[in-house]
Amino acid sequence: MDSFYQQVYQLVARIPKGRVATYGQLAWMLGHPRGARQVGWAMRHCPDGLPWQRVVMADGSITGGGYEPLRRMMLEEEGIPFLPDGRVDLGACRWDGNESTDE
């Protein structure tokens, strides 16, 4: 598997419950500031067990090829706050990269 994909997966695995990260944020953290789309492609093929629901669009929108309702439900169960328009409240729950998951 592509080493970039592996790096994405390792980073996503660190996102703690109750936090989210954006595709662009993950790309930037991996040294590819214009690589949000590549992170998206990696997430389309992510292995089982990754907290895939914790990766959202730059504006807090949820994507997922038909899995948006499931993803929203999973995030709500983790305590992720949403704005009235349905986007994740990034100001309240964006992961800063320092804390790691304890799951």
PDB file of N, CA and C in Angstrom:
ATOM      1  N   MET A   1       0.842  -1.188   0.000  1.00  0.00           N
ATOM      2  CA  MET A   1       0.000   0.000   0.000  1.00  0.00           C
ATOM      3  C   MET A   1       0.885   1.248   0.000  1.00  0.00           C
ATOM      4  N   ASP A   2       0.396   2.295  -0.604  1.00  0.00           N
ATOM      5  CA  ASP A   2       1.102   3.566  -0.707  1.00  0.00           C
ATOM      6  C   ASP A   2       1.496   4.081   0.675  1.00  0.00           C
ATOM      7  N   SER A   3       2.741   4.524   0.829  1.00  0.00           N
ATOM      8  CA  SER A   3       3.203   4.991   2.134  1.00  0.00           C
ATOM      9  C   SER A   3       2.447   6.241   2.594  1.00  0.00           C
ATOM     10  N   PHE A   4       2.014   7.090   1.643  1.00  0.00           N
ATOM     11  CA  PHE A   4       1.218   8.255   2.025  1.00  0.00           C
ATOM     12  C   PHE A   4      -0.083   7.800   2.676  1.00  0.00           C
ATOM     13  N   TYR A   5      -0.720   6.805   2.096  1.00  0.00           N
ATOM     14  CA  TYR A   5      -1.953   6.271   2.682  1.00  0.00           C
ATOM     15  C   TYR A   5      -1.681   5.759   4.092  1.00  0.00           C
ATOM     16  N   GLN A   6      -0.593   5.060   4.272  1.00  0.00           N
ATOM     17  CA  GLN A   6      -0.251   4.537   5.595  1.00  0.00           C
ATOM     18  C   GLN A   6      -0.063   5.681   6.589  1.00  0.00           C
ATOM     19  N   GLN A   7       0.579   6.762   6.157  1.00  0.00           N
ATOM     20  CA  GLN A   7       0.767   7.917   7.028  1.00  0.00           C
ATOM     21  C   GLN A   7      -0.574   8.536   7.406  1.00  0.00           C
ATOM     22  N   VAL A   8      -1.478   8.617   6.432  1.00  0.00           N
ATOM     23  CA  VAL A   8      -2.822   9.140   6.705  1.00  0.00           C
ATOM     24  C   VAL A   8      -3.495   8.275   7.758  1.00  0.00           C
ATOM     25  N   TYR A   9      -3.438   6.960   7.565  1.00  0.00           N
ATOM     26  CA  TYR A   9      -4.115   6.047   8.493  1.00  0.00           C
ATOM     27  C   TYR A   9      -3.536   6.130   9.900  1.00  0.00           C
ATOM     28  N   GLN A  10      -2.229   6.261   9.983  1.00  0.00           N
ATOM     29  CA  GLN A  10      -1.599   6.384  11.310  1.00  0.00           C
ATOM     30  C   GLN A  10      -2.060   7.659  12.002  1.00  0.00           C
ATOM     31  N   LEU A  11      -2.191   8.731  11.257  1.00  0.00           N
ATOM     32  CA  LEU A  11      -2.631  10.000  11.826  1.00  0.00           C
ATOM     33  C   LEU A  11      -4.111   9.940  12.226  1.00  0.00           C
ATOM     34  N   VAL A  12      -4.942   9.397  11.369  1.00  0.00           N
ATOM     35  CA  VAL A  12      -6.374   9.282  11.674  1.00  0.00           C
ATOM     36  C   VAL A  12      -6.585   8.423  12.918  1.00  0.00           C
ATOM     37  N   ALA A  13      -5.790   7.390  13.072  1.00  0.00           N
ATOM     38  CA  ALA A  13      -5.916   6.507  14.237  1.00  0.00           C
ATOM     39  C   ALA A  13      -5.673   7.259  15.543  1.00  0.00           C
ATOM     40  N   ARG A  14      -4.973   8.383  15.479  1.00  0.00           N
ATOM     41  CA  ARG A  14      -4.665   9.174  16.676  1.00  0.00           C
ATOM     42  C   ARG A  14      -5.756  10.172  17.050  1.00  0.00           C
ATOM     43  N   ILE A  15      -6.720  10.415  16.170  1.00  0.00           N
ATOM     44  CA  ILE A  15      -7.761  11.405  16.472  1.00  0.00           C
ATOM     45  C   ILE A  15      -8.620  10.863  17.615  1.00  0.00           C
ATOM     46  N   PRO A  16      -8.652  11.554  18.739  1.00  0.00           N
ATOM     47  CA  PRO A  16      -9.407  11.038  19.887  1.00  0.00           C
ATOM     48  C   PRO A  16     -10.920  11.182  19.737  1.00  0.00           C
ATOM     49  N   LYS A  17     -11.611  10.376  20.475  1.00  0.00           N
ATOM     50  CA  LYS A  17     -13.068  10.454  20.544  1.00  0.00           C
ATOM     51  C   LYS A  17     -13.459  11.868  20.974  1.00  0.00           C
ATOM     52  N   GLY A  18     -14.477  12.416  20.312  1.00  0.00           N
ATOM     53  CA  GLY A  18     -14.927  13.755  20.640  1.00  0.00           C
ATOM     54  C   GLY A  18     -14.193  14.856  19.904  1.00  0.00           C
ATOM     55  N   ARG A  19     -13.308  14.476  18.989  1.00  0.00           N
ATOM     56  CA  ARG A  19     -12.553  15.438  18.177  1.00  0.00           C
ATOM     57  C   ARG A  19     -12.678  15.056  16.705  1.00  0.00           C
ATOM     58  N   VAL A  20     -12.484  16.035  15.837  1.00  0.00           N
ATOM     59  CA  VAL A  20     -12.458  15.794  14.403  1.00  0.00           C
ATOM     60  C   VAL A  20     -11.267  16.517  13.788  1.00  0.00           C
ATOM     61  N   ALA A  21     -10.918  16.106  12.582  1.00  0.00           N
ATOM     62  CA  ALA A  21      -9.887  16.782  11.798  1.00  0.00           C
ATOM     63  C   ALA A  21     -10.417  16.912  10.375  1.00  0.00           C
ATOM     64  N   THR A  22      -9.884  17.873   9.644  1.00  0.00           N
ATOM     65  CA  THR A  22     -10.298  18.042   8.256  1.00  0.00           C
ATOM     66  C   THR A  22      -9.292  17.349   7.337  1.00  0.00           C
ATOM     67  N   TYR A  23      -9.747  17.071   6.125  1.00  0.00           N
ATOM     68  CA  TYR A  23      -8.868  16.450   5.134  1.00  0.00           C
ATOM     69  C   TYR A  23      -7.629  17.319   4.913  1.00  0.00           C
ATOM     70  N   GLY A  24      -7.851  18.619   4.754  1.00  0.00           N
ATOM     71  CA  GLY A  24      -6.735  19.532   4.524  1.00  0.00           C
ATOM     72  C   GLY A  24      -5.800  19.633   5.715  1.00  0.00           C
ATOM     73  N   GLN A  25      -6.360  19.598   6.904  1.00  0.00           N
ATOM     74  CA  GLN A  25      -5.555  19.646   8.116  1.00  0.00           C
ATOM     75  C   GLN A  25      -4.625  18.437   8.182  1.00  0.00           C
ATOM     76  N   LEU A  26      -5.163  17.255   7.883  1.00  0.00           N
ATOM     77  CA  LEU A  26      -4.335  16.050   7.899  1.00  0.00           C
ATOM     78  C   LEU A  26      -3.241  16.129   6.851  1.00  0.00           C
ATOM     79  N   ALA A  27      -3.583  16.613   5.660  1.00  0.00           N
ATOM     80  CA  ALA A  27      -2.579  16.762   4.602  1.00  0.00           C
ATOM     81  C   ALA A  27      -1.464  17.704   5.055  1.00  0.00           C
ATOM     82  N   TRP A  28      -1.851  18.827   5.655  1.00  0.00           N
ATOM     83  CA  TRP A  28      -0.867  19.796   6.142  1.00  0.00           C
ATOM     84  C   TRP A  28       0.032  19.156   7.198  1.00  0.00           C
ATOM     85  N   MET A  29      -0.567  18.399   8.120  1.00  0.00           N
ATOM     86  CA  MET A  29       0.202  17.755   9.190  1.00  0.00           C
ATOM     87  C   MET A  29       1.209  16.749   8.623  1.00  0.00           C
ATOM     88  N   LEU A  30       0.898  16.207   7.454  1.00  0.00           N
ATOM     89  CA  LEU A  30       1.789  15.228   6.820  1.00  0.00           C
ATOM     90  C   LEU A  30       2.779  15.880   5.860  1.00  0.00           C
ATOM     91  N   GLY A  31       2.790  17.214   5.822  1.00  0.00           N
ATOM     92  CA  GLY A  31       3.747  17.913   4.967  1.00  0.00           C
ATOM     93  C   GLY A  31       3.305  18.048   3.525  1.00  0.00           C
ATOM     94  N   HIS A  32       2.014  17.885   3.264  1.00  0.00           N
ATOM     95  CA  HIS A  32       1.442  18.012   1.927  1.00  0.00           C
ATOM     96  C   HIS A  32       0.297  19.016   1.982  1.00  0.00           C
ATOM     97  N   PRO A  33       0.612  20.314   2.142  1.00  0.00           N
ATOM     98  CA  PRO A  33      -0.429  21.307   2.394  1.00  0.00           C
ATOM     99  C   PRO A  33      -1.517  21.404   1.322  1.00  0.00           C
ATOM    100  N   ARG A  34      -1.269  20.909   0.142  1.00  0.00           N
ATOM    101  CA  ARG A  34      -2.282  20.945  -0.908  1.00  0.00           C
ATOM    102  C   ARG A  34      -2.808  19.535  -1.210  1.00  0.00           C
ATOM    103  N   GLY A  35      -2.678  18.648  -0.251  1.00  0.00           N
ATOM    104  CA  GLY A  35      -3.015  17.250  -0.471  1.00  0.00           C
ATOM    105  C   GLY A  35      -4.329  16.778   0.117  1.00  0.00           C
ATOM    106  N   ALA A  36      -5.278  17.673   0.342  1.00  0.00           N
ATOM    107  CA  ALA A  36      -6.557  17.270   0.939  1.00  0.00           C
ATOM    108  C   ALA A  36      -7.258  16.205   0.103  1.00  0.00           C
ATOM    109  N   ARG A  37      -7.211  16.354  -1.200  1.00  0.00           N
ATOM    110  CA  ARG A  37      -7.876  15.386  -2.074  1.00  0.00           C
ATOM    111  C   ARG A  37      -7.235  14.002  -1.962  1.00  0.00           C
ATOM    112  N   GLN A  38      -5.912  13.978  -1.828  1.00  0.00           N
ATOM    113  CA  GLN A  38      -5.221  12.698  -1.672  1.00  0.00           C
ATOM    114  C   GLN A  38      -5.597  12.033  -0.349  1.00  0.00           C
ATOM    115  N   VAL A  39      -5.770  12.847   0.692  1.00  0.00           N
ATOM    116  CA  VAL A  39      -6.230  12.301   1.975  1.00  0.00           C
ATOM    117  C   VAL A  39      -7.619  11.702   1.786  1.00  0.00           C
ATOM    118  N   GLY A  40      -8.457  12.380   1.026  1.00  0.00           N
ATOM    119  CA  GLY A  40      -9.796  11.863   0.739  1.00  0.00           C
ATOM    120  C   GLY A  40      -9.756  10.523   0.025  1.00  0.00           C
ATOM    121  N   TRP A  41      -8.852  10.402  -0.943  1.00  0.00           N
ATOM    122  CA  TRP A  41      -8.722   9.120  -1.643  1.00  0.00           C
ATOM    123  C   TRP A  41      -8.243   8.033  -0.689  1.00  0.00           C
ATOM    124  N   ALA A  42      -7.321   8.380   0.179  1.00  0.00           N
ATOM    125  CA  ALA A  42      -6.839   7.404   1.160  1.00  0.00           C
ATOM    126  C   ALA A  42      -7.982   6.946   2.058  1.00  0.00           C
ATOM    127  N   MET A  43      -8.821   7.890   2.468  1.00  0.00           N
ATOM    128  CA  MET A  43      -9.916   7.547   3.365  1.00  0.00           C
ATOM    129  C   MET A  43     -10.982   6.693   2.680  1.00  0.00           C
ATOM    130  N   ARG A  44     -11.078   6.779   1.373  1.00  0.00           N
ATOM    131  CA  ARG A  44     -12.016   5.918   0.653  1.00  0.00           C
ATOM    132  C   ARG A  44     -11.621   4.450   0.756  1.00  0.00           C
ATOM    133  N   HIS A  45     -10.354   4.212   1.033  1.00  0.00           N
ATOM    134  CA  HIS A  45      -9.829   2.844   1.093  1.00  0.00           C
ATOM    135  C   HIS A  45      -9.303   2.491   2.477  1.00  0.00           C
ATOM    136  N   CYS A  46      -9.776   3.195   3.495  1.00  0.00           N
ATOM    137  CA  CYS A  46      -9.210   3.008   4.826  1.00  0.00           C
ATOM    138  C   CYS A  46      -9.539   1.622   5.398  1.00  0.00           C
ATOM    139  N   PRO A  47      -8.618   1.102   6.184  1.00  0.00           N
ATOM    140  CA  PRO A  47      -8.847  -0.210   6.795  1.00  0.00           C
ATOM    141  C   PRO A  47      -9.912  -0.148   7.882  1.00  0.00           C
ATOM    142  N   ASP A  48     -10.505  -1.289   8.136  1.00  0.00           N
ATOM    143  CA  ASP A  48     -11.483  -1.405   9.212  1.00  0.00           C
ATOM    144  C   ASP A  48     -10.838  -1.008  10.534  1.00  0.00           C
ATOM    145  N   GLY A  49     -11.636  -0.429  11.393  1.00  0.00           N
ATOM    146  CA  GLY A  49     -11.161  -0.073  12.722  1.00  0.00           C
ATOM    147  C   GLY A  49     -10.690   1.361  12.864  1.00  0.00           C
ATOM    148  N   LEU A  50     -10.493   2.066  11.756  1.00  0.00           N
ATOM    149  CA  LEU A  50     -10.102   3.477  11.842  1.00  0.00           C
ATOM    150  C   LEU A  50     -11.328   4.325  12.164  1.00  0.00           C
ATOM    151  N   PRO A  51     -11.145   5.412  12.919  1.00  0.00           N
ATOM    152  CA  PRO A  51     -12.271   6.305  13.203  1.00  0.00           C
ATOM    153  C   PRO A  51     -12.540   7.241  12.021  1.00  0.00           C
ATOM    154  N   TRP A  52     -12.910   6.663  10.909  1.00  0.00           N
ATOM    155  CA  TRP A  52     -13.112   7.388   9.649  1.00  0.00           C
ATOM    156  C   TRP A  52     -14.129   8.506   9.771  1.00  0.00           C
ATOM    157  N   GLN A  53     -15.082   8.363  10.666  1.00  0.00           N
ATOM    158  CA  GLN A  53     -16.132   9.367  10.823  1.00  0.00           C
ATOM    159  C   GLN A  53     -15.581  10.678  11.351  1.00  0.00           C
ATOM    160  N   ARG A  54     -14.383  10.682  11.895  1.00  0.00           N
ATOM    161  CA  ARG A  54     -13.802  11.879  12.511  1.00  0.00           C
ATOM    162  C   ARG A  54     -13.077  12.784  11.517  1.00  0.00           C
ATOM    163  N   VAL A  55     -13.116  12.455  10.245  1.00  0.00           N
ATOM    164  CA  VAL A  55     -12.480  13.287   9.221  1.00  0.00           C
ATOM    165  C   VAL A  55     -13.591  13.958   8.414  1.00  0.00           C
ATOM    166  N   VAL A  56     -13.573  15.293   8.404  1.00  0.00           N
ATOM    167  CA  VAL A  56     -14.647  16.070   7.779  1.00  0.00           C
ATOM    168  C   VAL A  56     -14.065  17.100   6.817  1.00  0.00           C
ATOM    169  N   MET A  57     -14.947  17.765   6.090  1.00  0.00           N
ATOM    170  CA  MET A  57     -14.536  18.803   5.142  1.00  0.00           C
ATOM    171  C   MET A  57     -14.061  20.050   5.903  1.00  0.00           C
ATOM    172  N   ALA A  58     -13.381  20.932   5.187  1.00  0.00           N
ATOM    173  CA  ALA A  58     -12.802  22.134   5.785  1.00  0.00           C
ATOM    174  C   ALA A  58     -13.841  23.047   6.429  1.00  0.00           C
ATOM    175  N   ASP A  59     -15.074  22.996   5.942  1.00  0.00           N
ATOM    176  CA  ASP A  59     -16.125  23.846   6.520  1.00  0.00           C
ATOM    177  C   ASP A  59     -16.965  23.101   7.561  1.00  0.00           C
ATOM    178  N   GLY A  60     -16.560  21.870   7.887  1.00  0.00           N
ATOM    179  CA  GLY A  60     -17.290  21.075   8.862  1.00  0.00           C
ATOM    180  C   GLY A  60     -18.369  20.196   8.258  1.00  0.00           C
ATOM    181  N   SER A  61     -18.517  20.253   6.948  1.00  0.00           N
ATOM    182  CA  SER A  61     -19.505  19.403   6.285  1.00  0.00           C
ATOM    183  C   SER A  61     -19.089  17.943   6.387  1.00  0.00           C
ATOM    184  N   ILE A  62     -20.094  17.095   6.376  1.00  0.00           N
ATOM    185  CA  ILE A  62     -19.866  15.660   6.413  1.00  0.00           C
ATOM    186  C   ILE A  62     -20.039  15.111   5.004  1.00  0.00           C
ATOM    187  N   THR A  63     -19.083  14.316   4.570  1.00  0.00           N
ATOM    188  CA  THR A  63     -19.196  13.634   3.282  1.00  0.00           C
ATOM    189  C   THR A  63     -19.121  12.140   3.558  1.00  0.00           C
ATOM    190  N   GLY A  64     -19.307  11.352   2.549  1.00  0.00           N
ATOM    191  CA  GLY A  64     -19.169   9.932   2.799  1.00  0.00           C
ATOM    192  C   GLY A  64     -19.860   9.029   1.813  1.00  0.00           C
ATOM    193  N   GLY A  65     -20.150   9.509   0.623  1.00  0.00           N
ATOM    194  CA  GLY A  65     -20.702   8.645  -0.397  1.00  0.00           C
ATOM    195  C   GLY A  65     -21.933   7.879   0.043  1.00  0.00           C
ATOM    196  N   GLY A  66     -22.882   8.558   0.656  1.00  0.00           N
ATOM    197  CA  GLY A  66     -24.099   7.899   1.097  1.00  0.00           C
ATOM    198  C   GLY A  66     -24.103   7.525   2.569  1.00  0.00           C
ATOM    199  N   TYR A  67     -22.982   7.718   3.237  1.00  0.00           N
ATOM    200  CA  TYR A  67     -22.871   7.351   4.649  1.00  0.00           C
ATOM    201  C   TYR A  67     -23.026   8.551   5.582  1.00  0.00           C
ATOM    202  N   GLU A  68     -23.454   9.678   5.047  1.00  0.00           N
ATOM    203  CA  GLU A  68     -23.551  10.885   5.864  1.00  0.00           C
ATOM    204  C   GLU A  68     -24.428  10.707   7.103  1.00  0.00           C
ATOM    205  N   PRO A  69     -25.618  10.106   6.991  1.00  0.00           N
ATOM    206  CA  PRO A  69     -26.440   9.935   8.200  1.00  0.00           C
ATOM    207  C   PRO A  69     -25.756   9.049   9.250  1.00  0.00           C
ATOM    208  N   LEU A  70     -25.114   7.981   8.807  1.00  0.00           N
ATOM    209  CA  LEU A  70     -24.402   7.100   9.736  1.00  0.00           C
ATOM    210  C   LEU A  70     -23.257   7.854  10.400  1.00  0.00           C
ATOM    211  N   ARG A  71     -22.514   8.592   9.595  1.00  0.00           N
ATOM    212  CA  ARG A  71     -21.380   9.349  10.120  1.00  0.00           C
ATOM    213  C   ARG A  71     -21.853  10.377  11.147  1.00  0.00           C
ATOM    214  N   ARG A  72     -22.925  11.097  10.836  1.00  0.00           N
ATOM    215  CA  ARG A  72     -23.438  12.087  11.781  1.00  0.00           C
ATOM    216  C   ARG A  72     -23.860  11.411  13.085  1.00  0.00           C
ATOM    217  N   MET A  73     -24.555  10.280  12.982  1.00  0.00           N
ATOM    218  CA  MET A  73     -24.983   9.567  14.177  1.00  0.00           C
ATOM    219  C   MET A  73     -23.772   9.148  15.015  1.00  0.00           C
ATOM    220  N   MET A  74     -22.734   8.639  14.373  1.00  0.00           N
ATOM    221  CA  MET A  74     -21.530   8.219  15.095  1.00  0.00           C
ATOM    222  C   MET A  74     -20.876   9.408  15.793  1.00  0.00           C
ATOM    223  N   LEU A  75     -20.812  10.540  15.103  1.00  0.00           N
ATOM    224  CA  LEU A  75     -20.203  11.729  15.692  1.00  0.00           C
ATOM    225  C   LEU A  75     -21.046  12.261  16.851  1.00  0.00           C
ATOM    226  N   GLU A  76     -22.355  12.257  16.683  1.00  0.00           N
ATOM    227  CA  GLU A  76     -23.231  12.706  17.770  1.00  0.00           C
ATOM    228  C   GLU A  76     -23.056  11.829  19.003  1.00  0.00           C
ATOM    229  N   GLU A  77     -22.913  10.514  18.795  1.00  0.00           N
ATOM    230  CA  GLU A  77     -22.707   9.598  19.922  1.00  0.00           C
ATOM    231  C   GLU A  77     -21.389   9.883  20.655  1.00  0.00           C
ATOM    232  N   GLU A  78     -20.421  10.474  19.947  1.00  0.00           N
ATOM    233  CA  GLU A  78     -19.142  10.835  20.559  1.00  0.00           C
ATOM    234  C   GLU A  78     -19.200  12.208  21.228  1.00  0.00           C
ATOM    235  N   GLY A  79     -20.321  12.898  21.078  1.00  0.00           N
ATOM    236  CA  GLY A  79     -20.455  14.216  21.680  1.00  0.00           C
ATOM    237  C   GLY A  79     -19.995  15.361  20.801  1.00  0.00           C
ATOM    238  N   ILE A  80     -19.819  15.114  19.516  1.00  0.00           N
ATOM    239  CA  ILE A  80     -19.403  16.169  18.592  1.00  0.00           C
ATOM    240  C   ILE A  80     -20.549  17.155  18.423  1.00  0.00           C
ATOM    241  N   PRO A  81     -20.289  18.461  18.623  1.00  0.00           N
ATOM    242  CA  PRO A  81     -21.348  19.460  18.447  1.00  0.00           C
ATOM    243  C   PRO A  81     -21.529  19.836  16.974  1.00  0.00           C
ATOM    244  N   PHE A  82     -22.763  20.135  16.620  1.00  0.00           N
ATOM    245  CA  PHE A  82     -23.100  20.542  15.259  1.00  0.00           C
ATOM    246  C   PHE A  82     -23.688  21.934  15.266  1.00  0.00           C
ATOM    247  N   LEU A  83     -23.463  22.645  14.184  1.00  0.00           N
ATOM    248  CA  LEU A  83     -24.047  23.971  13.985  1.00  0.00           C
ATOM    249  C   LEU A  83     -25.485  23.803  13.492  1.00  0.00           C
ATOM    250  N   PRO A  84     -26.310  24.846  13.588  1.00  0.00           N
ATOM    251  CA  PRO A  84     -27.703  24.736  13.137  1.00  0.00           C
ATOM    252  C   PRO A  84     -27.847  24.297  11.676  1.00  0.00           C
ATOM    253  N   ASP A  85     -26.848  24.593  10.840  1.00  0.00           N
ATOM    254  CA  ASP A  85     -26.944  24.218   9.422  1.00  0.00           C
ATOM    255  C   ASP A  85     -26.461  22.792   9.143  1.00  0.00           C
ATOM    256  N   GLY A  86     -26.113  22.033  10.189  1.00  0.00           N
ATOM    257  CA  GLY A  86     -25.740  20.633  10.015  1.00  0.00           C
ATOM    258  C   GLY A  86     -24.255  20.349   9.920  1.00  0.00           C
ATOM    259  N   ARG A  87     -23.445  21.399   9.915  1.00  0.00           N
ATOM    260  CA  ARG A  87     -21.992  21.195   9.865  1.00  0.00           C
ATOM    261  C   ARG A  87     -21.442  20.976  11.270  1.00  0.00           C
ATOM    262  N   VAL A  88     -20.323  20.261  11.344  1.00  0.00           N
ATOM    263  CA  VAL A  88     -19.631  20.083  12.615  1.00  0.00           C
ATOM    264  C   VAL A  88     -19.117  21.440  13.085  1.00  0.00           C
ATOM    265  N   ASP A  89     -19.224  21.711  14.367  1.00  0.00           N
ATOM    266  CA  ASP A  89     -18.705  22.950  14.952  1.00  0.00           C
ATOM    267  C   ASP A  89     -17.202  22.767  15.180  1.00  0.00           C
ATOM    268  N   LEU A  90     -16.415  23.077  14.146  1.00  0.00           N
ATOM    269  CA  LEU A  90     -14.966  22.875  14.211  1.00  0.00           C
ATOM    270  C   LEU A  90     -14.314  23.688  15.317  1.00  0.00           C
ATOM    271  N   GLY A  91     -14.861  24.849  15.614  1.00  0.00           N
ATOM    272  CA  GLY A  91     -14.303  25.681  16.677  1.00  0.00           C
ATOM    273  C   GLY A  91     -14.354  25.012  18.040  1.00  0.00           C
ATOM    274  N   ALA A  92     -15.285  24.111  18.193  1.00  0.00           N
ATOM    275  CA  ALA A  92     -15.473  23.455  19.488  1.00  0.00           C
ATOM    276  C   ALA A  92     -14.778  22.098  19.595  1.00  0.00           C
ATOM    277  N   CYS A  93     -14.440  21.485  18.453  1.00  0.00           N
ATOM    278  CA  CYS A  93     -13.944  20.102  18.559  1.00  0.00           C
ATOM    279  C   CYS A  93     -12.837  19.734  17.586  1.00  0.00           C
ATOM    280  N   ARG A  94     -12.205  20.731  16.956  1.00  0.00           N
ATOM    281  CA  ARG A  94     -11.111  20.395  16.025  1.00  0.00           C
ATOM    282  C   ARG A  94      -9.919  19.864  16.811  1.00  0.00           C
ATOM    283  N   TRP A  95      -9.396  18.757  16.356  1.00  0.00           N
ATOM    284  CA  TRP A  95      -8.224  18.124  16.956  1.00  0.00           C
ATOM    285  C   TRP A  95      -6.992  18.956  16.635  1.00  0.00           C
ATOM    286  N   ASP A  96      -6.148  19.195  17.643  1.00  0.00           N
ATOM    287  CA  ASP A  96      -4.945  19.993  17.403  1.00  0.00           C
ATOM    288  C   ASP A  96      -3.715  19.149  17.068  1.00  0.00           C
ATOM    289  N   GLY A  97      -3.877  17.847  17.076  1.00  0.00           N
ATOM    290  CA  GLY A  97      -2.758  16.964  16.729  1.00  0.00           C
ATOM    291  C   GLY A  97      -1.922  16.539  17.899  1.00  0.00           C
ATOM    292  N   ASN A  98      -2.144  17.130  19.054  1.00  0.00           N
ATOM    293  CA  ASN A  98      -1.320  16.818  20.204  1.00  0.00           C
ATOM    294  C   ASN A  98      -1.872  15.673  21.037  1.00  0.00           C
ATOM    295  N   GLU A  99      -3.161  15.679  21.279  1.00  0.00           N
ATOM    296  CA  GLU A  99      -3.743  14.600  22.075  1.00  0.00           C
ATOM    297  C   GLU A  99      -3.997  13.412  21.162  1.00  0.00           C
ATOM    298  N   SER A 100      -3.895  12.228  21.701  1.00  0.00           N
ATOM    299  CA  SER A 100      -4.125  11.012  20.933  1.00  0.00           C
ATOM    300  C   SER A 100      -5.258  10.222  21.539  1.00  0.00           C
ATOM    301  N   THR A 101      -5.814   9.361  20.718  1.00  0.00           N
ATOM    302  CA  THR A 101      -6.915   8.525  21.173  1.00  0.00           C
ATOM    303  C   THR A 101      -6.452   7.563  22.255  1.00  0.00           C
ATOM    304  N   ASP A 102      -7.368   7.236  23.139  1.00  0.00           N
ATOM    305  CA  ASP A 102      -7.058   6.267  24.185  1.00  0.00           C
ATOM    306  C   ASP A 102      -7.819   4.972  23.958  1.00  0.00           C
ATOM    307  N   GLU A 103      -8.419   4.861  22.770  1.00  0.00           N
ATOM    308  CA  GLU A 103      -9.198   3.659  22.459  1.00  0.00           C
ATOM    309  C   GLU A 103      -8.300   2.576  21.923  1.00  0.00           C
TER     310      GLU A 103
END
